Amino acid sequence: MTINAEEARVIAGVPTGLWIGGEWRHARTGKEFEVEDPATGEVIASVADAGPEDAIDALDAAAHAQASWAATAPRYRAEILRSAFEKIMAQQDDLALLMTLEMGKPVAESKGEVAYAAEFFRWFAEEAVRIKGEYYRSPDGLTKVLTSRSPVGPSYLITPWNFPLAMGTRKIGPALAAGCTVILKPAEQTPLCSLALGSILAEAGLPAGVLNIVTTSQPGEVTDRLIEDSRLRKLSFTGSTEVGKLLMHKSSTNLLRLSMELGGNAPLIVFSDADLDKAIPGAIFAKMRNGGEACTSANRILVHRELADVFSERLAEELANMKVARGTTPGAQVGPLIDQDALSKVSGLLADATAAGAKVLTGGSRVGDHGYFYAPTVIAGVPRSARIFREEIFGPVAPIYTFDDDDEAYAAANDTNYGLVSYIFTESFRRVHQAIDALQSGMVGVNQGLVSNAAAPFGGVKHSGFGREGGFEGIDEYLDVKYAALNLS
């Protein structure tokens, strides 16, 4: 399958160079790397492949622009973000198609992400003018306390491939609103959405050097070179826990401010009093959003034993009827996994689970000979000793476990190093509050399979990381607090 004229037009409209100091340029390496359509395995674009020298050029530009950008009026920064929000929404169809081509998700789902991504710019446009300080009398009455907030400084933002536009705006929005300059490094699988976003922000009037975009197939070399430079003051990373730990260690040399949004292993608990007409669609959304390639994906579905059989049967029936196809296909509900490594991981986890005694109720195999498609899968009777209980799946496989009482459910839900999000389904007001307190996660979805919201603080605990993105809290990650003691006697 080759791309059609409309797809070719959208791809051709995206710059493929590095965006440094307000200019599109080739990489100093003289190299490019290829971007693949995961639905077909075909190359759809080639982009500049930056090396460490390019990274330092980007940091030079960010450091040079930092003082002037920090000095701009908050309203000026807000208007740029608001303009970018409007431009994203005006280009929603093209951006959604671009996202589908490089990442694979169905176009309808890509449109939803574009709107979600744009919302971070609108939200932080409004937060830019609300950066507050405090003024109060000290308890001893001898001085006045004055606090203010100032931008952290040049910030390095590393985004993943699974939400290629929203993860960029979720980091860029608060950084720019706070007055920080930025170096953005998108995942090598999905650089095109970030490059398109760079064009949009330039059109919105963002000054040269405030945003710099470095695409690379050498992320380790580029990142190491940046974080060892003392001019960099902030690192925000979304990705695996293993890489996050490594970055934390390396960032200690210059004591960088860190935000880490890492892995997840989300439990979804269906209590005995749950309304299955809510729980089934909620579980499908929590599991199958983004084809299961989300850190918020419901990885462990814990169902009260009394409901387990009917829940499993209904869930398997629904997933068996989902249309698996290239994301541009009309009616497509599940696109491909991102690459061969992802396909191999999902297949390996399922093979381990079935070898340990799990029963496949639907799916359980690759779909087609081209691309990286995997059938929506439900498995039951999974022993908790299986790898799939411990490891992040990142694919369309829904393992079902049973429990007999609430305490057992909470213990199973918390039996993980991760703590990003939990989901619960119950009709009991008392149980809702008990669960919120009992579950060890940064977020809880109550009778719904979606928690992502630009106006809410997104983030986890334990090995799922620290720091929050979105909400009132998001901008604080890019601000330092300064205190002045005023002797007014």
Protein backbone atom coordinates (compact mmCIF):
# COMPACT_ATOMS: atom_id res chain seq x y z
CA MET A 1 0.00 0.00 0.00
CA THR A 2 1.32 3.45 -0.87
CA ILE A 3 0.18 6.78 0.49
CA ASN A 4 -2.48 8.64 -1.48
CA ALA A 5 -2.39 12.21 -2.76
CA GLU A 6 -4.02 13.69 0.36
CA GLU A 7 -1.61 11.90 2.67
CA ALA A 8 1.32 12.98 0.51
CA ARG A 9 0.13 16.60 0.66
CA VAL A 10 -0.03 16.57 4.46
CA ILE A 11 3.42 15.02 4.81
CA ALA A 12 4.93 17.44 2.28
CA GLY A 13 3.67 20.37 4.35
CA VAL A 14 5.84 19.45 7.34
CA PRO A 15 9.41 20.79 7.60
CA THR A 16 11.99 18.06 8.06
CA GLY A 17 14.95 20.00 9.42
CA LEU A 18 16.02 21.04 12.89
CA TRP A 19 14.32 24.15 14.32
CA ILE A 20 17.11 26.08 16.04
CA GLY A 21 17.28 29.79 16.79
CA GLY A 22 14.25 30.55 14.63
CA GLU A 23 15.58 28.79 11.52
CA TRP A 24 15.06 25.43 9.82
CA ARG A 25 18.44 23.85 9.14
CA HIS A 26 20.18 20.61 8.29
CA ALA A 27 21.89 18.56 10.98
CA ARG A 28 25.62 19.07 11.42
CA THR A 29 25.94 15.31 11.02
CA GLY A 30 24.71 15.60 7.45
CA LYS A 31 22.44 12.65 8.18
CA GLU A 32 18.73 11.95 8.15
CA PHE A 33 16.63 9.13 9.59
CA GLU A 34 13.46 7.59 8.23
CA VAL A 35 9.92 7.76 9.58
CA GLU A 36 7.80 4.67 9.06
CA ASP A 37 4.05 4.16 8.74
CA PRO A 38 3.46 1.36 11.29
CA ALA A 39 0.38 0.19 9.37
CA THR A 40 2.39 -0.69 6.28
CA GLY A 41 6.05 -0.65 7.26
CA GLU A 42 6.68 1.87 4.47
CA VAL A 43 8.90 4.94 4.85
CA ILE A 44 6.83 8.12 4.63
CA ALA A 45 9.47 10.78 5.39
CA SER A 46 13.09 11.44 6.30
CA VAL A 47 14.05 14.06 8.88
CA ALA A 48 17.28 15.64 10.10
CA ASP A 49 19.31 13.39 12.40
CA ALA A 50 20.89 15.65 15.01
CA GLY A 51 24.08 14.93 16.88
CA PRO A 52 25.52 16.40 20.08
CA GLU A 53 26.82 19.52 18.29
CA ASP A 54 23.30 20.31 17.07
CA ALA A 55 22.03 19.89 20.62
CA ILE A 56 24.52 22.47 21.86
CA ASP A 57 23.46 24.84 19.08
CA ALA A 58 19.91 24.48 20.36
CA LEU A 59 21.00 25.15 23.94
CA ASP A 60 23.02 28.18 22.76
CA ALA A 61 19.84 29.55 21.18
CA ALA A 62 17.70 28.79 24.22
CA ALA A 63 20.21 30.29 26.64
CA HIS A 64 20.59 33.41 24.51
CA ALA A 65 16.81 33.93 24.37
CA GLN A 66 16.13 33.12 28.04
CA ALA A 67 16.54 36.58 29.61
CA SER A 68 14.47 38.41 27.02
CA TRP A 69 11.72 35.78 27.05
CA ALA A 70 11.54 35.79 30.86
CA ALA A 71 11.20 39.59 30.75
CA THR A 72 8.19 39.55 28.42
CA ALA A 73 4.79 40.49 29.78
CA PRO A 74 2.73 37.50 30.88
CA ARG A 75 -0.08 38.69 28.61
CA TYR A 76 2.28 38.62 25.63
CA ARG A 77 3.19 35.01 26.34
CA ALA A 78 -0.48 34.19 26.86
CA GLU A 79 -1.50 35.66 23.51
CA ILE A 80 1.10 33.59 21.65
CA LEU A 81 -0.18 30.40 23.30
CA ARG A 82 -3.79 31.38 22.59
CA SER A 83 -2.94 32.02 18.93
CA ALA A 84 -1.20 28.64 18.71
CA PHE A 85 -4.29 26.98 20.20
CA GLU A 86 -6.46 28.52 17.50
CA LYS A 87 -4.06 27.54 14.73
CA ILE A 88 -3.96 23.93 15.93
CA MET A 89 -7.74 23.72 15.91
CA ALA A 90 -7.87 25.30 12.45
CA GLN A 91 -5.51 22.57 11.19
CA GLN A 92 -7.15 19.74 13.12
CA ASP A 93 -7.87 17.53 10.11
CA ASP A 94 -4.36 17.74 8.67
CA LEU A 95 -2.69 17.24 12.05
CA ALA A 96 -4.90 14.23 12.79
CA LEU A 97 -4.04 12.61 9.47
CA LEU A 98 -0.33 13.31 10.02
CA MET A 99 -0.53 11.71 13.46
CA THR A 100 -2.24 8.62 12.09
CA LEU A 101 0.37 8.23 9.36
CA GLU A 102 3.36 8.31 11.72
CA MET A 103 1.85 6.67 14.81
CA GLY A 104 -0.98 4.48 13.54
CA LYS A 105 -4.03 5.31 15.65
CA PRO A 106 -7.39 5.70 13.87
CA VAL A 107 -8.03 9.17 12.46
CA ALA A 108 -11.05 9.70 14.72
CA GLU A 109 -8.87 9.06 17.76
CA SER A 110 -6.13 11.30 16.35
CA LYS A 111 -8.66 14.14 16.06
CA GLY A 112 -9.45 13.68 19.72
CA GLU A 113 -5.77 13.97 20.58
CA VAL A 114 -5.37 17.12 18.50
CA ALA A 115 -8.17 18.79 20.45
CA TYR A 116 -6.69 17.56 23.73
CA ALA A 117 -3.25 18.82 22.72
CA ALA A 118 -4.57 22.25 21.77
CA GLU A 119 -6.32 22.55 25.12
CA PHE A 120 -2.98 22.65 26.96
CA PHE A 121 -2.07 25.82 25.07
CA ARG A 122 -5.43 27.40 25.90
CA TRP A 123 -5.17 26.36 29.56
CA PHE A 124 -1.63 27.65 30.05
CA ALA A 125 -2.39 30.83 28.12
CA GLU A 126 -4.79 31.51 30.97
CA GLU A 127 -2.31 30.41 33.64
CA ALA A 128 0.49 32.64 32.28
CA VAL A 129 -1.24 35.73 33.68
CA ARG A 130 -1.92 34.13 37.09
CA ILE A 131 1.62 33.50 38.36
CA LYS A 132 1.32 34.70 41.94
CA GLY A 133 3.48 35.67 44.87
CA GLU A 134 2.66 36.40 48.51
CA TYR A 135 3.21 39.20 51.01
CA TYR A 136 2.63 38.71 54.72
CA ARG A 137 3.92 39.58 58.18
CA SER A 138 6.32 37.14 59.82
CA PRO A 139 5.14 35.55 63.11
CA ASP A 140 7.62 37.54 65.20
CA GLY A 141 6.27 40.75 63.75
CA LEU A 142 9.75 42.08 62.88
CA THR A 143 9.77 41.58 59.10
CA LYS A 144 7.52 41.20 56.10
CA VAL A 145 7.80 38.12 53.90
CA LEU A 146 7.68 38.64 50.13
CA THR A 147 7.64 35.66 47.76
CA SER A 148 7.75 35.71 43.98
CA ARG A 149 8.08 33.10 41.23
CA SER A 150 10.50 33.26 38.34
CA PRO A 151 11.19 30.93 35.40
CA VAL A 152 13.54 28.02 36.05
CA GLY A 153 15.41 28.66 32.80
CA PRO A 154 16.27 26.67 29.68
CA SER A 155 14.32 23.41 29.74
CA TYR A 156 14.86 20.14 27.90
CA LEU A 157 11.64 18.31 27.10
CA ILE A 158 11.68 14.66 25.99
CA THR A 159 8.40 13.34 24.61
CA PRO A 160 7.25 9.79 23.72
CA TRP A 161 5.77 8.43 20.51
CA ASN A 162 2.35 7.33 21.74
CA PHE A 163 0.77 10.80 21.99
CA PRO A 164 3.01 12.70 19.58
CA LEU A 165 1.23 16.06 19.71
CA ALA A 166 -0.32 16.18 23.18
CA MET A 167 2.85 15.25 25.02
CA GLY A 168 4.56 18.17 23.32
CA THR A 169 1.93 20.77 24.16
CA ARG A 170 1.58 19.42 27.72
CA LYS A 171 5.24 20.28 28.33
CA ILE A 172 5.75 23.27 26.04
CA GLY A 173 2.61 25.08 27.24
CA PRO A 174 3.59 25.52 30.91
CA ALA A 175 7.26 26.12 30.06
CA LEU A 176 6.47 29.01 27.72
CA ALA A 177 3.79 30.38 30.05
CA ALA A 178 6.29 30.44 32.91
CA GLY A 179 8.91 32.26 30.83
CA CYS A 180 11.25 29.34 30.11
CA THR A 181 12.94 28.68 26.79
CA VAL A 182 12.75 25.15 25.46
CA ILE A 183 14.60 22.40 23.63
CA LEU A 184 12.16 19.71 22.50
CA LYS A 185 13.33 16.23 21.55
CA PRO A 186 10.48 14.10 20.16
CA ALA A 187 10.64 10.33 19.88
CA GLU A 188 12.35 9.19 16.69
CA GLN A 189 9.29 7.11 15.68
CA THR A 190 7.04 10.20 15.58
CA PRO A 191 8.91 13.46 14.88
CA LEU A 192 6.51 14.90 12.30
CA CYS A 193 3.82 16.16 14.69
CA SER A 194 6.45 18.00 16.74
CA LEU A 195 7.92 19.61 13.63
CA ALA A 196 4.45 20.71 12.55
CA LEU A 197 3.94 22.15 16.04
CA GLY A 198 7.16 24.15 15.67
CA SER A 199 5.80 25.73 12.50
CA ILE A 200 2.56 26.61 14.25
CA LEU A 201 4.29 28.32 17.16
CA ALA A 202 6.53 30.26 14.77
CA GLU A 203 3.42 31.44 12.90
CA ALA A 204 1.88 32.42 16.24
CA GLY A 205 4.76 34.85 16.81
CA LEU A 206 7.05 32.96 19.17
CA PRO A 207 10.44 34.74 19.13
CA ALA A 208 13.50 33.02 17.72
CA GLY A 209 15.31 30.71 20.12
CA VAL A 210 12.44 30.34 22.58
CA LEU A 211 11.51 26.93 21.14
CA ASN A 212 14.10 24.69 19.54
CA ILE A 213 13.34 21.23 18.14
CA VAL A 214 16.01 18.56 17.81
CA THR A 215 15.09 15.32 16.05
CA THR A 216 17.57 12.48 16.40
CA SER A 217 18.14 8.76 16.17
CA GLN A 218 20.89 9.18 18.79
CA PRO A 219 18.84 10.21 21.83
CA GLY A 220 21.40 9.05 24.37
CA GLU A 221 24.29 11.04 22.90
CA VAL A 222 22.19 14.17 22.41
CA THR A 223 20.69 14.00 25.89
CA ASP A 224 23.98 13.32 27.63
CA ARG A 225 25.56 16.34 25.95
CA LEU A 226 22.71 18.62 27.02
CA ILE A 227 22.33 17.59 30.64
CA GLU A 228 26.06 17.89 31.34
CA ASP A 229 25.90 21.59 30.36
CA SER A 230 25.29 23.84 33.37
CA ARG A 231 23.19 26.28 31.34
CA LEU A 232 20.37 23.72 31.21
CA ARG A 233 18.20 24.01 34.31
CA LYS A 234 15.23 21.70 33.79
CA LEU A 235 14.50 18.25 32.37
CA SER A 236 11.00 16.94 31.77
CA PHE A 237 10.78 13.33 30.58
CA THR A 238 7.90 11.06 29.63
CA GLY A 239 8.88 7.47 28.97
CA SER A 240 9.93 4.25 30.62
CA THR A 241 10.85 3.98 34.29
CA GLU A 242 14.20 2.42 33.39
CA VAL A 243 15.24 5.38 31.23
CA GLY A 244 13.82 7.81 33.78
CA LYS A 245 16.04 6.38 36.50
CA LEU A 246 19.08 6.67 34.27
CA LEU A 247 18.26 10.30 33.45
CA MET A 248 17.79 11.10 37.14
CA HIS A 249 21.23 9.76 37.89
CA LYS A 250 22.87 11.73 35.08
CA SER A 251 20.95 14.91 35.97
CA SER A 252 22.36 14.89 39.49
CA THR A 253 25.65 16.35 38.27
CA ASN A 254 24.02 19.72 37.59
CA LEU A 255 21.10 19.23 40.01
CA LEU A 256 18.50 19.77 37.30
CA ARG A 257 14.89 20.37 38.21
CA LEU A 258 13.12 17.18 37.15
CA SER A 259 9.65 16.13 36.11
CA MET A 260 9.25 12.41 35.44
CA GLU A 261 6.12 10.83 33.95
CA LEU A 262 7.11 7.18 33.77
CA GLY A 263 5.60 3.72 33.39
CA GLY A 264 2.23 2.49 34.54
CA ASN A 265 0.49 -0.77 35.40
CA ALA A 266 -3.01 0.49 36.03
CA PRO A 267 -5.57 -1.63 37.88
CA LEU A 268 -9.24 -1.41 36.97
CA ILE A 269 -11.48 -2.70 39.76
CA VAL A 270 -15.04 -3.84 39.10
CA PHE A 271 -16.68 -4.12 42.53
CA SER A 272 -19.61 -6.39 43.31
CA ASP A 273 -22.12 -3.55 43.05
CA ALA A 274 -20.79 -2.17 39.75
CA ASP A 275 -23.18 -1.30 36.94
CA LEU A 276 -21.83 -3.39 34.06
CA ASP A 277 -23.44 -1.05 31.55
CA LYS A 278 -20.91 1.50 32.81
CA ALA A 279 -18.07 -0.86 33.63
CA ILE A 280 -17.89 -2.61 30.23
CA PRO A 281 -17.58 0.54 28.08
CA GLY A 282 -15.38 2.12 30.74
CA ALA A 283 -13.04 -0.85 30.71
CA ILE A 284 -12.94 -0.85 26.90
CA PHE A 285 -11.98 2.81 26.83
CA ALA A 286 -9.40 2.46 29.59
CA LYS A 287 -7.87 -0.60 27.91
CA MET A 288 -8.23 0.15 24.21
CA ARG A 289 -7.61 3.89 24.03
CA ASN A 290 -4.61 4.34 21.75
CA GLY A 291 -4.74 0.60 21.09
CA GLY A 292 -3.54 -0.01 24.64
CA GLU A 293 -0.33 1.95 23.96
CA ALA A 294 -0.77 4.35 26.86
CA CYS A 295 0.77 4.62 30.31
CA THR A 296 -2.79 5.04 31.61
CA SER A 297 -3.99 1.82 29.98
CA ALA A 298 -5.88 -0.61 32.22
CA ASN A 299 -3.34 -3.41 32.45
CA ARG A 300 -4.92 -5.47 35.23
CA ILE A 301 -8.70 -5.82 35.27
CA LEU A 302 -9.79 -7.00 38.72
CA VAL A 303 -13.40 -8.24 38.78
CA HIS A 304 -15.41 -9.44 41.77
CA ARG A 305 -15.87 -13.18 41.47
CA GLU A 306 -19.67 -12.90 41.30
CA LEU A 307 -19.43 -10.77 38.14
CA ALA A 308 -16.34 -12.26 36.56
CA ASP A 309 -17.96 -14.70 34.12
CA VAL A 310 -20.53 -12.32 32.67
CA PHE A 311 -18.06 -9.43 32.60
CA SER A 312 -15.44 -11.53 30.79
CA GLU A 313 -17.97 -12.80 28.26
CA ARG A 314 -19.30 -9.34 27.47
CA LEU A 315 -15.87 -7.75 27.26
CA ALA A 316 -14.60 -10.49 24.93
CA GLU A 317 -17.64 -10.10 22.69
CA GLU A 318 -17.13 -6.34 22.41
CA LEU A 319 -13.40 -6.57 21.69
CA ALA A 320 -13.89 -9.36 19.15
CA ASN A 321 -16.12 -7.02 17.13
CA MET A 322 -13.65 -4.12 17.02
CA LYS A 323 -12.37 -3.29 13.54
CA VAL A 324 -8.59 -3.65 13.24
CA ALA A 325 -7.27 -1.69 10.27
CA ARG A 326 -4.99 1.07 9.06
CA GLY A 327 -6.03 4.23 10.88
CA THR A 328 -7.17 5.94 7.67
CA THR A 329 -9.65 3.14 6.91
CA PRO A 330 -13.30 4.20 7.45
CA GLY A 331 -14.61 2.69 10.67
CA ALA A 332 -11.18 1.63 11.95
CA GLN A 333 -11.19 1.24 15.75
CA VAL A 334 -7.76 -0.31 16.40
CA GLY A 335 -4.62 0.61 14.51
CA PRO A 336 -1.20 -1.05 14.51
CA LEU A 337 1.33 -1.17 17.31
CA ILE A 338 4.21 1.25 16.82
CA ASP A 339 6.89 -1.18 15.63
CA GLN A 340 8.18 -4.74 15.58
CA ASP A 341 9.63 -4.48 19.09
CA ALA A 342 6.21 -3.56 20.45
CA LEU A 343 4.58 -6.44 18.59
CA SER A 344 7.17 -8.89 19.90
CA LYS A 345 6.72 -7.69 23.48
CA VAL A 346 2.94 -8.12 23.42
CA SER A 347 3.24 -11.56 21.82
CA GLY A 348 5.82 -12.61 24.42
CA LEU A 349 3.70 -11.48 27.37
CA LEU A 350 0.69 -13.38 26.04
CA ALA A 351 2.73 -16.52 25.40
CA ASP A 352 4.05 -16.40 28.97
CA ALA A 353 0.53 -15.92 30.38
CA THR A 354 -0.98 -18.82 28.43
CA ALA A 355 1.92 -21.07 29.36
CA ALA A 356 1.13 -20.24 32.99
CA GLY A 357 -2.51 -21.30 32.54
CA ALA A 358 -4.37 -18.25 31.21
CA LYS A 359 -7.27 -18.88 28.83
CA VAL A 360 -7.66 -16.77 25.67
CA LEU A 361 -11.29 -15.66 25.30
CA THR A 362 -10.75 -13.70 22.10
CA GLY A 363 -7.82 -12.57 19.97
CA GLY A 364 -4.35 -13.66 20.93
CA SER A 365 -2.55 -13.32 17.61
CA ARG A 366 -1.09 -10.97 15.05
CA VAL A 367 -3.43 -9.65 12.38
CA GLY A 368 -2.30 -9.64 8.73
CA ASP A 369 1.11 -9.93 7.13
CA HIS A 370 1.93 -6.21 6.84
CA GLY A 371 2.37 -3.63 9.55
CA TYR A 372 2.29 -4.32 13.28
CA PHE A 373 -1.34 -5.21 13.99
CA TYR A 374 -2.39 -7.30 16.97
CA ALA A 375 -5.93 -8.51 17.65
CA PRO A 376 -7.84 -7.09 20.63
CA THR A 377 -7.41 -9.82 23.21
CA VAL A 378 -9.09 -10.88 26.46
CA ILE A 379 -7.53 -13.51 28.72
CA ALA A 380 -8.92 -14.94 31.94
CA GLY A 381 -7.60 -17.20 34.66
CA VAL A 382 -4.29 -15.37 34.69
CA PRO A 383 -2.06 -16.30 37.63
CA ARG A 384 -0.49 -13.31 39.35
CA SER A 385 2.89 -14.96 38.94
CA ALA A 386 2.72 -14.31 35.17
CA ARG A 387 4.88 -11.53 33.73
CA ILE A 388 1.79 -9.77 32.39
CA PHE A 389 0.68 -8.96 35.95
CA ARG A 390 3.97 -7.18 36.68
CA GLU A 391 4.97 -5.64 33.36
CA GLU A 392 3.45 -2.80 31.38
CA ILE A 393 1.69 -4.36 28.38
CA PHE A 394 1.44 -1.40 25.97
CA GLY A 395 -0.89 -3.25 23.66
CA PRO A 396 -4.51 -4.40 23.19
CA VAL A 397 -4.47 -7.27 25.71
CA ALA A 398 -6.92 -7.25 28.63
CA PRO A 399 -6.05 -9.72 31.43
CA ILE A 400 -8.87 -10.46 33.88
CA TYR A 401 -8.27 -11.43 37.52
CA THR A 402 -10.82 -12.14 40.24
CA PHE A 403 -11.17 -11.12 43.89
CA ASP A 404 -13.56 -11.92 46.73
CA ASP A 405 -13.56 -8.81 48.92
CA ASP A 406 -12.50 -5.17 48.82
CA ASP A 407 -9.33 -5.60 50.84
CA GLU A 408 -8.13 -8.29 48.44
CA ALA A 409 -8.85 -5.97 45.51
CA TYR A 410 -6.87 -3.12 47.02
CA ALA A 411 -3.96 -5.39 47.88
CA ALA A 412 -3.83 -6.74 44.32
CA ALA A 413 -4.17 -3.26 42.81
CA ASN A 414 -1.30 -1.93 44.92
CA ASP A 415 0.90 -4.98 44.32
CA THR A 416 3.09 -3.19 41.80
CA ASN A 417 6.00 -0.78 41.74
CA TYR A 418 3.93 1.56 39.60
CA GLY A 419 1.34 4.08 40.73
CA LEU A 420 0.10 6.26 37.90
CA VAL A 421 -3.66 5.71 37.69
CA SER A 422 -6.34 3.37 39.00
CA TYR A 423 -9.93 2.90 37.82
CA ILE A 424 -12.90 1.82 39.90
CA PHE A 425 -16.49 0.94 39.11
CA THR A 426 -18.99 0.96 41.95
CA GLU A 427 -22.38 2.45 42.82
CA SER A 428 -21.42 2.99 46.46
CA PHE A 429 -20.52 6.54 47.54
CA ARG A 430 -18.79 5.10 50.61
CA ARG A 431 -16.72 2.70 48.55
CA VAL A 432 -15.63 5.49 46.18
CA HIS A 433 -14.03 7.39 49.05
CA GLN A 434 -12.53 4.27 50.57
CA ALA A 435 -10.96 3.35 47.24
CA ILE A 436 -9.54 6.82 46.64
CA ASP A 437 -7.77 6.61 49.99
CA ALA A 438 -6.69 2.97 49.63
CA LEU A 439 -5.28 3.03 46.09
CA GLN A 440 -1.62 3.96 45.70
CA SER A 441 -1.78 6.02 42.53
CA GLY A 442 -1.57 9.65 41.52
CA MET A 443 -4.95 9.55 39.76
CA VAL A 444 -8.21 7.64 40.12
CA GLY A 445 -10.94 7.27 37.51
CA VAL A 446 -14.34 6.75 39.13
CA ASN A 447 -16.94 5.04 36.92
CA GLN A 448 -15.09 6.22 33.83
CA GLY A 449 -12.13 5.02 31.81
CA LEU A 450 -10.57 8.42 31.14
CA VAL A 451 -8.67 10.71 33.50
CA SER A 452 -6.68 12.89 31.06
CA ASN A 453 -7.76 16.53 31.28
CA ALA A 454 -5.70 19.65 30.60
CA ALA A 455 -7.27 21.29 33.65
CA ALA A 456 -6.25 18.46 36.00
CA PRO A 457 -2.83 17.49 37.43
CA PHE A 458 -1.52 14.43 35.58
CA GLY A 459 1.15 12.34 37.27
CA GLY A 460 1.94 9.37 39.46
CA VAL A 461 3.68 8.04 42.55
CA LYS A 462 6.20 5.26 43.23
CA HIS A 463 7.98 4.16 40.05
CA SER A 464 5.51 6.06 37.90
CA GLY A 465 7.46 9.21 38.62
CA PHE A 466 6.89 12.61 40.18
CA GLY A 467 5.82 16.09 39.20
CA ARG A 468 2.51 17.05 37.61
CA GLU A 469 1.53 18.14 34.11
CA GLY A 470 -1.64 20.11 33.48
CA GLY A 471 -3.93 21.68 36.04
CA PHE A 472 -3.01 24.57 38.31
CA GLU A 473 0.03 22.57 39.39
CA GLY A 474 1.58 22.18 35.92
CA ILE A 475 3.16 25.62 35.66
CA ASP A 476 4.83 25.27 39.07
CA GLU A 477 7.19 22.68 37.56
CA TYR A 478 8.81 25.53 35.57
CA LEU A 479 8.96 28.16 38.32
CA ASP A 480 11.41 28.80 41.14
CA VAL A 481 10.22 30.46 44.35
CA LYS A 482 12.22 33.44 45.62
CA TYR A 483 11.78 34.80 49.15
CA ALA A 484 12.77 38.26 50.33
CA ALA A 485 12.81 39.29 54.00
CA LEU A 486 11.84 42.95 54.33
CA ASN A 487 12.88 44.88 57.41
CA LEU A 488 10.31 47.64 57.59
CA SER A 489 10.88 48.74 61.19
